[in-house]
Protein backbone atom coordinates (compact mmCIF):
# COMPACT_ATOMS: atom_id res chain seq x y z
CA MET A 1 -36.96 152.76 -124.93
CA ASN A 2 -35.06 149.99 -126.55
CA CYS A 3 -34.40 152.24 -129.52
CA ILE A 4 -33.17 155.00 -127.28
CA ILE A 5 -30.80 152.68 -125.36
CA ASN A 6 -29.44 151.16 -128.46
CA GLY A 7 -28.99 154.49 -130.06
CA GLY A 8 -27.27 155.78 -126.99
CA LEU A 9 -24.76 152.85 -126.97
CA LYS A 10 -23.93 153.45 -130.64
CA VAL A 11 -23.27 157.21 -129.93
CA VAL A 12 -21.02 156.40 -127.00
CA ALA A 13 -18.89 153.93 -128.96
CA PHE A 14 -18.48 156.25 -131.90
CA PHE A 15 -17.45 159.15 -129.76
CA LEU A 16 -14.84 157.38 -127.83
CA GLN A 17 -13.36 155.99 -130.99
CA VAL A 18 -12.96 159.46 -132.49
CA LYS A 19 -11.60 160.99 -129.25
CA ASN A 20 -9.04 158.28 -128.80
CA GLY A 21 -7.65 159.03 -132.23
CA SER A 22 -6.25 162.41 -131.33
CA THR A 23 -5.16 164.32 -128.29
CA ASP A 24 -3.79 167.39 -130.09
CA THR A 25 -6.70 168.63 -132.32
CA HIS A 26 -10.46 168.81 -132.08
CA TYR A 27 -12.72 167.30 -134.86
CA THR A 28 -16.20 167.80 -136.02
CA VAL A 29 -18.39 164.86 -135.17
CA TYR A 30 -21.94 164.62 -136.30
CA LEU A 31 -24.04 162.26 -134.04
CA GLN A 32 -27.55 161.38 -135.04
CA ILE A 33 -29.97 159.70 -132.60
CA TYR A 34 -33.10 158.19 -134.15
CA THR A 35 -36.15 157.53 -132.03
CA THR A 36 -39.88 157.49 -132.27
CA PHE A 37 -40.29 158.68 -128.79
CA PHE A 38 -40.45 162.15 -127.43
CA ILE A 39 -37.28 163.18 -125.57
CA ASN A 40 -37.17 166.46 -123.73
CA ARG A 41 -34.21 168.92 -123.50
CA ARG A 42 -33.16 167.82 -120.05
CA THR A 43 -32.93 164.23 -121.09
CA LEU A 44 -30.73 165.08 -124.08
CA ASP A 45 -28.49 167.28 -121.93
CA HIS A 46 -28.03 164.41 -119.52
CA ILE A 47 -27.03 162.00 -122.36
CA LEU A 48 -24.69 164.44 -123.86
CA ASN A 49 -22.98 165.25 -120.58
CA ASN A 50 -22.37 161.60 -119.95
CA LEU A 51 -20.72 161.45 -123.40
CA PHE A 52 -18.17 164.15 -122.41
CA MET A 53 -19.69 166.47 -124.97
CA TYR A 54 -18.52 169.86 -123.58
CA LYS A 55 -18.93 171.87 -126.79
CA LYS A 56 -21.97 173.71 -128.06
CA CYS A 57 -24.68 171.45 -129.44
CA LEU A 58 -27.57 172.27 -131.79
CA ILE A 59 -30.61 170.29 -130.61
CA LEU A 60 -33.57 169.90 -132.83
CA PRO A 61 -36.31 168.03 -130.93
CA GLY A 62 -39.19 166.24 -132.63
CA ILE A 63 -42.18 164.15 -131.70
CA LEU A 64 -41.83 161.34 -134.07
CA PHE A 65 -38.34 161.91 -135.40
CA LEU A 66 -35.48 163.50 -133.60
CA VAL A 67 -32.12 164.48 -134.94
CA VAL A 68 -29.28 165.66 -132.67
CA SER A 69 -26.35 167.31 -134.42
CA CYS A 70 -23.53 167.91 -131.99
CA CYS A 71 -20.67 170.00 -133.16
CA PHE A 72 -17.43 168.77 -131.52
CA ASN A 73 -15.47 171.10 -133.77
CA SER A 74 -11.87 172.01 -134.11
CA LYS A 75 -9.23 172.36 -136.79
CA ALA A 76 -5.49 172.82 -136.26
CA GLN A 77 -4.49 175.89 -134.25
CA THR A 78 -3.02 178.74 -136.38
CA ILE A 79 -1.44 182.09 -135.63
CA SER A 80 -2.63 185.08 -137.67
CA GLY A 81 -0.92 188.44 -138.14
CA PRO A 82 1.22 190.44 -140.63
CA GLN A 83 3.91 188.39 -142.33
CA ASN A 84 5.90 191.29 -143.96
CA PRO A 85 5.79 194.05 -141.33
CA CYS A 86 7.91 197.20 -140.95
CA PRO A 87 10.43 197.40 -138.14
CA ASP A 88 9.92 199.72 -135.08
CA VAL A 89 6.08 199.48 -135.57
CA ILE A 90 3.67 197.60 -133.27
CA TYR A 91 1.52 194.75 -134.80
CA GLU A 92 -1.08 192.38 -133.35
CA TYR A 93 -0.90 188.53 -133.62
CA SER A 94 -3.56 186.12 -132.40
CA ILE A 95 -4.21 182.37 -132.01
CA SER A 96 -7.22 180.93 -133.75
CA SER A 97 -8.75 179.45 -130.48
CA ILE A 98 -7.44 178.75 -127.00
CA PRO A 99 -6.69 175.00 -126.69
CA PRO A 100 -7.97 172.81 -123.83
CA CYS A 101 -4.58 172.80 -122.08
CA PRO A 102 -3.06 176.31 -122.52
CA ASN A 103 0.43 177.23 -121.34
CA ASN A 104 0.77 179.87 -118.63
CA LEU A 105 3.26 181.81 -120.90
CA PRO A 106 2.26 180.70 -124.34
CA TRP A 107 3.81 183.50 -126.51
CA SER A 108 7.39 184.18 -127.66
CA VAL A 109 8.97 185.96 -130.55
CA SER A 110 12.44 186.11 -132.35
CA GLY A 111 13.54 189.35 -134.04
CA GLY A 112 11.13 191.40 -132.11
CA GLN A 113 9.74 192.46 -128.65
CA ILE A 114 6.43 191.56 -127.08
CA ILE A 115 4.82 194.83 -126.04
CA GLU A 116 1.41 193.50 -124.68
CA VAL A 117 -0.42 190.26 -124.02
CA SER A 118 -4.29 190.15 -123.87
CA GLN A 119 -6.06 189.20 -120.76
CA ASN A 120 -7.01 185.73 -121.92
CA LYS A 121 -3.62 185.40 -123.74
CA ASP A 122 -5.10 184.85 -127.22
CA LYS A 123 -3.50 187.91 -128.65
CA ILE A 124 -0.18 189.74 -128.42
CA LYS A 125 1.30 193.00 -129.69
CA VAL A 126 4.82 192.93 -131.11
CA LYS A 127 7.34 195.57 -132.04
CA TRP A 128 9.86 194.20 -134.64
CA ILE A 129 13.57 195.29 -134.35
CA ASN A 130 15.48 196.89 -137.17
CA THR A 131 18.34 194.41 -137.44
CA PRO A 132 19.49 192.26 -140.33
CA THR A 133 18.41 189.06 -138.43
CA SER A 134 14.73 190.23 -138.40
CA ILE A 135 14.51 189.25 -142.00
CA ASN A 136 13.77 185.78 -140.71
CA ALA A 137 11.68 186.61 -137.52
CA LYS A 138 9.15 184.19 -135.90
CA VAL A 139 6.11 184.15 -133.56
CA TYR A 140 5.61 181.11 -131.38
CA TYR A 141 2.53 179.89 -129.39
CA THR A 142 2.84 176.83 -127.16
CA TYR A 143 0.38 174.66 -125.23
CA TYR A 144 0.19 171.25 -123.65
CA LYS A 145 -1.12 168.10 -125.28
CA THR A 146 -4.36 166.49 -124.11
CA SER A 147 -4.48 162.83 -123.16
CA SER A 148 -6.98 160.27 -124.55
CA SER A 149 -9.06 160.71 -121.39
CA GLY A 150 -9.29 164.38 -121.97
CA GLY A 151 -6.71 165.47 -119.39
CA CYS A 152 -3.52 167.55 -119.87
CA THR A 153 -0.10 166.14 -120.36
CA THR A 154 3.33 167.66 -119.84
CA ASP A 155 4.23 167.39 -123.50
CA ILE A 156 4.57 170.73 -125.31
CA VAL A 157 3.05 171.59 -128.69
CA SER A 158 4.54 174.57 -130.52
CA ILE A 159 2.93 176.52 -133.34
CA LYS A 160 5.18 178.81 -135.51
CA HIS A 161 4.31 181.80 -137.58
CA ASP A 162 7.02 182.99 -139.99
CA VAL A 163 7.60 186.76 -140.35
CA LYS A 164 9.88 188.58 -142.82
CA VAL A 165 10.40 192.08 -141.48
CA ARG A 166 11.23 194.68 -144.07
CA VAL A 167 14.90 195.19 -143.09
CA PHE A 168 18.14 195.23 -145.01
CA ALA A 169 19.65 191.79 -144.33
CA ASP A 170 22.85 191.67 -146.30
CA VAL A 171 25.76 194.12 -146.27
CA GLN A 172 27.61 194.14 -149.62
CA SER A 173 31.38 194.41 -149.42
CA LEU A 174 33.41 195.86 -152.36
CA THR A 175 37.14 196.75 -152.63
CA ILE A 176 38.65 199.09 -155.32
CA SER A 177 42.44 199.63 -155.77
CA LYS A 178 43.76 202.91 -157.14
CA ASP A 179 47.34 204.24 -157.39
CA CYS A 180 48.23 206.69 -154.66
CA SER A 181 48.82 209.36 -157.29
CA PHE A 182 45.28 209.00 -158.73
CA ARG A 183 43.02 212.07 -158.64
CA GLY A 184 39.62 212.36 -160.12
CA SER A 185 36.21 210.69 -160.38
CA ILE A 186 35.50 206.99 -159.65
CA PRO A 187 32.10 205.39 -160.54
CA LEU A 188 30.79 203.38 -157.67
CA SER A 189 27.91 200.91 -157.88
CA ILE A 190 26.39 198.14 -155.84
CA THR A 191 23.87 195.40 -156.52
CA PRO A 192 20.29 196.77 -156.28
CA VAL A 193 18.51 196.02 -152.97
CA ALA A 194 14.95 194.72 -153.37
CA ILE A 195 13.17 196.95 -150.79
CA ALA A 196 15.40 200.01 -151.13
CA ASN A 197 14.33 202.88 -153.28
CA GLN A 198 16.89 205.35 -151.98
CA TYR A 199 20.58 205.19 -151.17
CA THR A 200 22.74 207.49 -149.00
CA TRP A 201 26.50 207.43 -149.68
CA SER A 202 29.05 208.92 -147.16
CA ASP A 203 32.88 208.68 -146.75
CA GLY A 204 33.15 209.76 -143.11
CA LEU A 205 35.07 212.86 -144.19
CA GLY A 206 32.18 215.22 -144.80
CA TRP A 207 30.97 213.94 -148.22
CA THR A 208 27.35 212.68 -148.44
CA GLN A 209 25.10 212.08 -151.47
CA THR A 210 21.59 210.51 -151.76
CA THR A 211 20.56 208.75 -154.96
CA THR A 212 17.47 206.70 -156.16
CA THR A 213 19.73 204.23 -157.94
CA PRO A 214 22.46 202.07 -156.48
CA SER A 215 25.36 204.03 -158.16
CA VAL A 216 27.21 207.33 -157.73
CA ASN A 217 30.42 209.09 -158.82
CA TYR A 218 33.06 209.74 -156.15
CA ASN A 219 35.74 212.37 -156.43
CA VAL A 220 39.15 211.32 -155.10
CA THR A 221 41.25 214.26 -153.79
CA THR A 222 43.85 212.56 -151.60
CA ASN A 223 46.21 209.62 -151.63
CA ASN A 224 44.70 208.12 -148.50
CA SER A 225 42.63 204.88 -148.41
CA ILE A 226 38.84 205.66 -148.22
CA SER A 227 35.94 203.81 -146.61
CA ILE A 228 32.46 204.58 -148.05
CA ASN A 229 29.28 203.53 -146.26
CA VAL A 230 25.98 203.06 -148.15
CA ILE A 231 22.60 203.36 -146.27
CA GLY A 232 19.43 202.13 -147.98
CA ARG A 233 15.93 203.43 -147.28
CA ASP A 234 12.50 201.71 -147.68
CA ASN A 235 9.88 204.44 -148.14
CA LEU A 236 6.99 202.07 -147.48
CA CYS A 237 8.26 201.59 -143.92
CA THR A 238 10.62 204.63 -143.65
CA THR A 239 13.20 202.01 -142.65
CA THR A 240 16.93 202.74 -142.99
CA GLY A 241 19.93 200.41 -142.73
CA GLN A 242 23.39 199.69 -144.09
CA VAL A 243 23.41 197.91 -147.43
CA ALA A 244 27.05 198.20 -148.58
CA SER A 245 30.63 199.05 -147.51
CA ILE A 246 33.15 200.11 -150.22
CA GLN A 247 36.90 200.25 -149.54
CA ILE A 248 39.09 202.28 -151.91
CA ASN A 249 42.76 201.09 -151.32
CA ARG A 250 45.64 203.18 -152.54
CA THR A 251 48.49 201.32 -154.06
CA ASN A 252 52.19 202.27 -154.76
CA ASN A 253 53.67 199.57 -156.89
CA ALA A 254 57.27 199.22 -157.97
CA PRO A 255 58.28 199.83 -161.58
CA VAL A 256 58.55 196.79 -163.86
CA ILE A 257 61.98 196.15 -165.58
CA THR A 258 61.18 195.02 -169.09
CA ASN A 259 64.52 193.48 -170.00
CA ASP A 260 64.40 189.69 -170.39
CA PHE A 261 68.15 189.16 -170.11
CA SER A 262 70.64 189.17 -167.23
CA THR A 263 73.94 189.71 -169.10
CA LEU A 264 75.23 193.11 -170.27
CA CYS A 265 78.07 193.07 -172.71
CA GLY A 266 80.11 195.91 -171.21
CA SER A 267 76.99 198.13 -171.22
CA GLY A 268 73.41 198.01 -172.22
CA ASN A 269 70.02 199.68 -172.04
CA VAL A 270 67.86 198.84 -169.07
CA THR A 271 64.19 199.87 -169.49
CA ILE A 272 61.04 200.04 -167.26
CA ASN A 273 57.39 200.78 -168.04
CA PRO A 274 56.23 204.29 -167.27
CA VAL A 275 54.61 204.49 -163.80
CA GLU A 276 51.35 206.26 -163.14
CA GLY A 277 51.76 209.55 -161.33
CA ALA A 278 55.59 209.57 -161.55
CA ASP A 279 57.37 212.71 -162.51
CA SER A 280 60.95 211.30 -162.11
CA TYR A 281 62.90 208.04 -161.62
CA THR A 282 65.86 207.40 -159.38
CA TRP A 283 68.36 204.70 -160.44
CA GLU A 284 70.90 203.18 -158.07
CA THR A 285 73.56 200.44 -158.20
CA SER A 286 75.03 198.04 -155.69
CA THR A 287 78.63 199.25 -156.30
CA SER A 288 80.47 202.24 -157.72
CA ALA A 289 81.83 200.00 -160.46
CA LEU A 290 78.44 200.21 -162.15
CA LEU A 291 77.49 203.47 -163.82
CA ILE A 292 74.09 204.93 -164.87
CA ASN A 293 74.27 206.91 -168.11
CA GLY A 294 77.99 207.21 -167.32
CA GLN A 295 77.30 208.65 -163.86
CA SER A 296 77.84 207.29 -160.40
CA SER A 297 74.74 206.12 -158.45
CA PRO A 298 72.30 207.41 -157.52
CA VAL A 299 71.00 209.19 -160.63
CA THR A 300 67.56 210.91 -160.84
CA ILE A 301 66.06 211.56 -164.25
CA THR A 302 62.86 213.58 -164.76
CA GLY A 303 60.08 212.68 -167.16
CA LEU A 304 59.90 209.67 -169.46
CA GLY A 305 63.61 209.93 -170.06
CA GLY A 306 64.02 208.11 -166.74
CA THR A 307 62.36 204.99 -168.01
CA SER A 308 65.41 203.91 -170.09
CA VAL A 309 69.04 204.21 -168.98
CA VAL A 310 72.48 202.77 -170.03
CA VAL A 311 74.13 200.68 -167.47
CA SER A 312 77.90 200.08 -167.82
CA SER A 313 80.76 198.82 -165.77
CA GLN A 314 84.19 200.05 -165.12
CA LEU A 315 85.35 196.43 -164.89
CA SER A 316 85.36 193.99 -167.80
CA ASN A 317 84.00 191.04 -165.76
CA TYR A 318 81.57 191.97 -162.99
CA LYS A 319 78.26 191.12 -161.45
CA GLY A 320 76.10 193.80 -159.85
CA THR A 321 72.58 194.90 -159.04
CA VAL A 322 70.61 197.80 -160.58
CA LYS A 323 67.51 199.13 -158.94
CA VAL A 324 65.03 201.81 -159.73
CA LYS A 325 62.06 203.56 -158.09
CA ALA A 326 59.36 206.04 -159.41
CA ASN A 327 59.04 209.31 -157.65
CA LYS A 328 55.40 210.32 -157.27
CA PRO A 329 54.82 213.96 -155.82
CA LEU A 330 51.23 213.21 -154.99
CA CYS A 331 52.06 210.17 -152.80
CA THR A 332 53.32 210.48 -149.21
CA ASN A 333 54.08 206.76 -148.66
CA SER A 334 57.51 205.46 -149.64
CA THR A 335 57.99 204.04 -153.16
CA PRO A 336 59.26 200.46 -153.58
CA TYR A 337 62.15 199.57 -155.78
CA ALA A 338 62.45 197.26 -158.78
CA SER A 339 65.83 195.51 -158.93
CA ARG A 340 67.66 193.30 -161.40
CA GLU A 341 71.11 191.57 -161.05
CA PHE A 342 73.16 191.83 -164.27
CA LEU A 343 76.41 190.15 -165.35
CA ILE A 344 78.73 192.59 -167.00
CA GLY A 345 80.63 190.55 -169.58
CA ALA A 346 81.02 187.39 -167.56
CA VAL A 347 81.11 186.43 -163.90
CA PRO A 348 84.16 185.23 -162.05
CA VAL A 349 84.94 181.50 -162.17
CA ASN A 350 84.32 179.47 -159.07
CA TRP A 351 86.43 176.27 -158.88
CA VAL A 352 84.73 173.09 -157.90
CA SER A 353 87.79 170.84 -158.00
CA ALA A 354 91.41 171.31 -159.09
CA PRO A 355 94.72 169.70 -158.11
CA SER A 356 97.45 171.65 -156.48
CA LYS A 357 100.17 169.17 -157.41
CA VAL A 358 100.47 166.49 -160.10
CA CYS A 359 103.10 164.21 -161.49
CA SER A 360 104.80 165.10 -164.80
CA GLY A 361 102.69 163.66 -167.61
CA GLU A 362 99.85 162.60 -165.33
CA LEU A 363 96.26 163.29 -166.54
CA PHE A 364 94.19 165.40 -164.19
CA THR A 365 90.85 167.06 -164.44
CA VAL A 366 89.84 170.57 -163.40
CA GLN A 367 86.12 171.43 -162.84
CA ALA A 368 84.44 174.90 -162.70
CA GLU A 369 80.98 175.77 -161.38
CA PRO A 370 78.32 176.19 -164.16
CA LEU A 371 77.53 179.85 -164.97
CA PRO A 372 74.33 181.48 -166.23
CA ASP A 373 74.26 182.59 -169.82
CA VAL A 374 77.49 180.68 -170.48
CA SER A 375 77.48 178.03 -173.27
CA THR A 376 81.07 177.06 -173.50
CA TYR A 377 84.53 177.73 -171.87
CA VAL A 378 87.97 178.33 -173.38
CA TRP A 379 90.45 176.13 -171.46
CA GLY A 380 94.27 176.55 -171.36
CA TYR A 381 97.35 176.92 -169.27
CA TYR A 382 100.61 178.98 -169.06
CA PRO A 383 103.78 178.96 -167.03
CA ALA A 384 103.49 181.00 -163.86
CA ASN A 385 106.56 183.00 -164.84
CA ASN A 386 105.48 183.64 -168.42
CA PRO A 387 101.78 184.68 -168.79
CA ASN A 388 102.16 185.30 -172.44
CA ASP A 389 103.05 181.69 -173.28
CA LYS A 390 99.50 180.37 -173.32
CA THR A 391 98.56 176.96 -174.54
CA ILE A 392 94.90 176.53 -175.49
CA VAL A 393 93.60 172.96 -174.72
CA ASN A 394 89.98 173.31 -175.70
CA GLN A 395 88.21 176.40 -177.19
CA PHE A 396 84.66 174.87 -176.88
CA GLY A 397 84.77 173.07 -173.61
CA LEU A 398 82.25 172.38 -170.91
CA ASN A 399 82.64 173.35 -167.31
CA TYR A 400 85.29 170.68 -166.74
CA GLN A 401 88.53 169.72 -168.70
CA GLU A 402 91.26 167.11 -168.68
CA PHE A 403 94.89 168.19 -168.68
CA GLY A 404 98.34 166.47 -169.07
CA ILE A 405 101.45 168.61 -168.62
CA THR A 406 104.88 166.90 -169.00
CA ASP A 407 107.26 169.80 -168.24
CA PRO A 408 107.76 170.36 -164.50
CA GLY A 409 107.12 173.72 -163.05
CA ASN A 410 104.24 175.85 -161.81
CA TYR A 411 101.38 176.47 -164.18
CA TYR A 412 98.17 178.52 -164.17
CA ILE A 413 95.13 176.64 -165.52
CA TYR A 414 92.55 179.13 -166.76
CA ALA A 415 88.84 178.92 -167.90
CA LEU A 416 87.38 181.73 -169.82
CA PRO A 417 83.58 181.65 -170.00
CA VAL A 418 82.04 182.29 -173.40
CA SER A 419 78.78 184.18 -172.92
CA LEU A 420 76.43 186.30 -175.07
CA CYS A 421 79.17 188.86 -174.90
CA GLY A 422 81.85 186.62 -176.36
CA THR A 423 84.94 185.29 -174.61
CA ALA A 424 85.62 186.77 -171.26
CA VAL A 425 88.85 188.46 -170.42
CA GLU A 426 91.02 186.53 -167.96
CA THR A 427 91.06 187.84 -164.36
CA SER A 428 92.72 186.65 -161.17
CA THR A 429 89.72 184.52 -160.36
CA SER A 430 89.62 182.70 -163.76
CA SER A 431 92.85 180.84 -163.18
CA THR A 432 94.19 178.35 -160.57
CA LEU A 433 97.84 177.38 -159.80
CA VAL A 434 99.09 173.79 -160.40
CA ASN A 435 102.56 172.46 -159.63
CA VAL A 436 103.87 169.73 -162.01
CA ASP A 437 106.54 167.60 -160.34
CA PHE A 438 108.95 165.57 -162.44
CA ARG A 439 109.16 162.99 -159.75
CA CYS A 440 106.22 160.80 -160.58
CA GLY A 441 104.56 159.78 -157.40
CA GLY A 442 106.63 162.15 -155.35
CA GLY A 443 103.77 164.55 -154.89
CA SER A 444 100.09 164.17 -154.31
CA THR A 445 96.86 165.66 -155.66
CA MET A 446 93.99 167.33 -153.83
CA GLN A 447 90.46 168.34 -154.22
CA VAL A 448 89.53 171.98 -153.61
CA GLN A 449 86.92 171.30 -150.92
CA ASN A 450 88.82 168.34 -149.30
CA LYS A 451 91.92 168.19 -147.05
CA SER A 452 95.37 168.37 -148.61
CA ASN A 453 97.34 165.21 -149.57
CA GLU A 454 94.20 163.43 -150.80
CA ALA A 455 93.39 161.91 -154.23
CA ILE A 456 91.21 163.98 -156.54
CA MET A 457 87.74 162.88 -157.61
CA LEU A 458 85.78 164.51 -160.48
CA LEU A 459 82.10 164.63 -160.87
CA TYR A 460 80.47 165.64 -164.13
CA PRO A 461 78.23 166.91 -165.50
CA ASN A 462 76.94 169.04 -162.69
CA PRO A 463 74.20 169.90 -162.53
CA SER A 464 72.66 166.74 -164.19
CA THR A 465 69.30 165.75 -165.42
CA SER A 466 69.75 161.97 -165.78
CA GLU A 467 73.33 160.67 -165.31
CA ILE A 468 76.55 161.59 -163.44
CA THR A 469 80.03 160.28 -163.93
CA LEU A 470 82.72 159.96 -161.22
CA LYS A 471 86.41 159.86 -162.10
CA THR A 472 89.18 159.39 -159.49
CA SER A 473 93.05 159.63 -159.76
CA GLU A 474 93.37 156.42 -157.93
CA VAL A 475 92.27 152.88 -158.60
CA VAL A 476 89.36 152.00 -156.27
CA LYS A 477 88.89 148.29 -155.77
CA LEU A 478 85.41 147.02 -154.70
CA GLY A 479 84.17 150.56 -154.17
CA LYS A 480 80.67 151.39 -153.32
CA TYR A 481 78.67 154.61 -153.48
CA ARG A 482 75.71 156.11 -151.67
CA ILE A 483 73.77 159.21 -152.51
CA VAL A 484 72.52 161.21 -149.43
CA SER A 485 69.98 164.09 -149.40
CA LEU A 486 70.76 167.26 -147.59
CA ASP A 487 68.54 166.05 -144.71
CA ASN A 488 70.92 163.00 -144.36
CA GLN A 489 68.58 160.50 -145.93
CA ILE A 490 70.15 157.75 -148.13
CA VAL A 491 68.24 157.81 -151.46
CA GLN A 492 70.37 155.55 -153.69
CA THR A 493 73.22 153.04 -153.35
CA GLY A 494 75.30 150.96 -155.73
CA VAL A 495 78.70 149.70 -156.82
CA PHE A 496 81.24 152.38 -157.94
CA GLU A 497 83.23 151.91 -161.16
CA ASN A 498 85.72 154.59 -162.09
CA ASN A 499 84.63 156.69 -165.05
CA LYS A 500 81.26 154.94 -165.37
CA SER A 501 78.01 156.76 -165.46
CA ILE A 502 75.47 156.48 -162.57
CA ASN A 503 71.80 156.87 -163.36
CA VAL A 504 70.15 159.60 -161.12
CA SER A 505 67.00 160.18 -163.18
CA SER A 506 64.77 158.87 -160.48
CA LEU A 507 65.96 161.48 -157.91
CA SER A 508 63.84 164.57 -157.20
CA PRO A 509 65.29 167.92 -158.26
CA GLY A 510 67.61 169.26 -155.63
CA TYR A 511 71.08 169.03 -154.09
CA TYR A 512 72.68 165.74 -152.98
CA ASN A 513 75.93 164.41 -151.62
CA ILE A 514 77.47 161.31 -153.30
CA ILE A 515 79.91 159.33 -151.14
CA VAL A 516 82.40 156.88 -152.61
CA GLU A 517 84.17 154.51 -150.28
CA SER A 518 86.30 151.32 -150.21
CA ALA A 519 88.67 149.79 -147.68
CA ASP A 520 91.36 152.48 -148.32
CA PHE A 521 89.47 155.26 -149.99
CA GLN A 522 86.52 157.68 -149.16
CA LYS A 523 85.40 160.78 -151.07
CA SER A 524 82.30 163.00 -150.94
CA LEU A 525 81.06 165.43 -153.58
CA LYS A 526 77.93 167.69 -153.82
CA PHE A 527 75.97 167.76 -157.07
CA GLN A 528 72.61 169.15 -158.30
CA LYS A 529 69.86 167.12 -159.86
CA GLN A 530 67.70 169.13 -162.20
């Protein structure tokens, strides 16, 4: 009996040690009791019941030697069932064994619908849904954890079974652009879909075609935008679903003017590239002073002859805009224009600063606004009563020039821009009137953009990349300057010295005002930093 008692104590200790090690899973424990005494079945059952052995046991009794092998068996719970099912078909899923602490509602799914649960809740039947999200479907089984004493806790254990339903998960999106005048066949193709072995193409307008490859030819017959839907089919499951969406957009672009210049010397050719689907071209101008092939605007020319025209002006110095559109008979939407502004000869001069009155023999400076495509200016003057008595001061000047006229009277100061077309012809805007008074000091000078009876101040060069120079007609003592941005922020200050350069290289490109002031003098000018 001592052997039996000792053996029993050993068994109890070993069993509790194993059971305390886990409350979630069952283990296989082999217990052996050695004795030289006969033990009947009832005695063994009593011992095993006291050891909380509730599983099936295989008992092999013997007279001199007895071995008891008790199977307390369990491996981790698993869910079994199809992992790559078809949609809209019912499948069965089961748990490997019912745990000691089952949940009342243990089953749940994503991407499908539970159709039936077995009576003891160890199996379910599921119908998977034909949606893109079902590509990552799941089956869940939950139960409660067991405690170390064998009871049930409130902690939930969840088992997951991944399912990839044979559905079309991704919808490809493609966009194709075609001119509104295009008619004909367009090859369409999409990336092959793994489970698709058939593709059905449709445009929603009555056209449908089925192919075994992910490509098809589509015939364009209108100028409307077209949306094509592609449905894939899996013959293994007879599953269908959208696999692609193709958008054919119709464009109607403006012509492209190929000229790389903006000055026409009296007249010149303006050319565009031929436009797809166009049977004619309409040319228009911003004013009647500009002519197209010698005709007044608008002018429509059929065929490729409309891609190149001669633009001319009835004025020697003029600035105007030419625009052109392509006419496409197969397009119902309006056609956009291409436009280009041209200088005919040279543009009118805009004066930045000029005096209205100076003393006889006094030096004064006149400044004109810089012009595009103008390299130099011809500067001169003539008496107001004798336009033919011209005096040229500088044939290769910049956009500012210093003058000194000794004979009193009224004079016109003129600036003739020299462009790619040569020297411009003088117009009413290319000259400004100055009165020269023999009474030195009896008159006053002015700046065009300032009030009358004020001293003139000249700024050059304008625009500037690194330095500007300020020159005034008065002596400024202890003058200071400040440079202010257009949003009224002071960006630079310093001491002003007449006819001395000011470094502006650190300024960002843009427009600025420079203000010069002293006790009895204040002037402001705008300049551009390039």
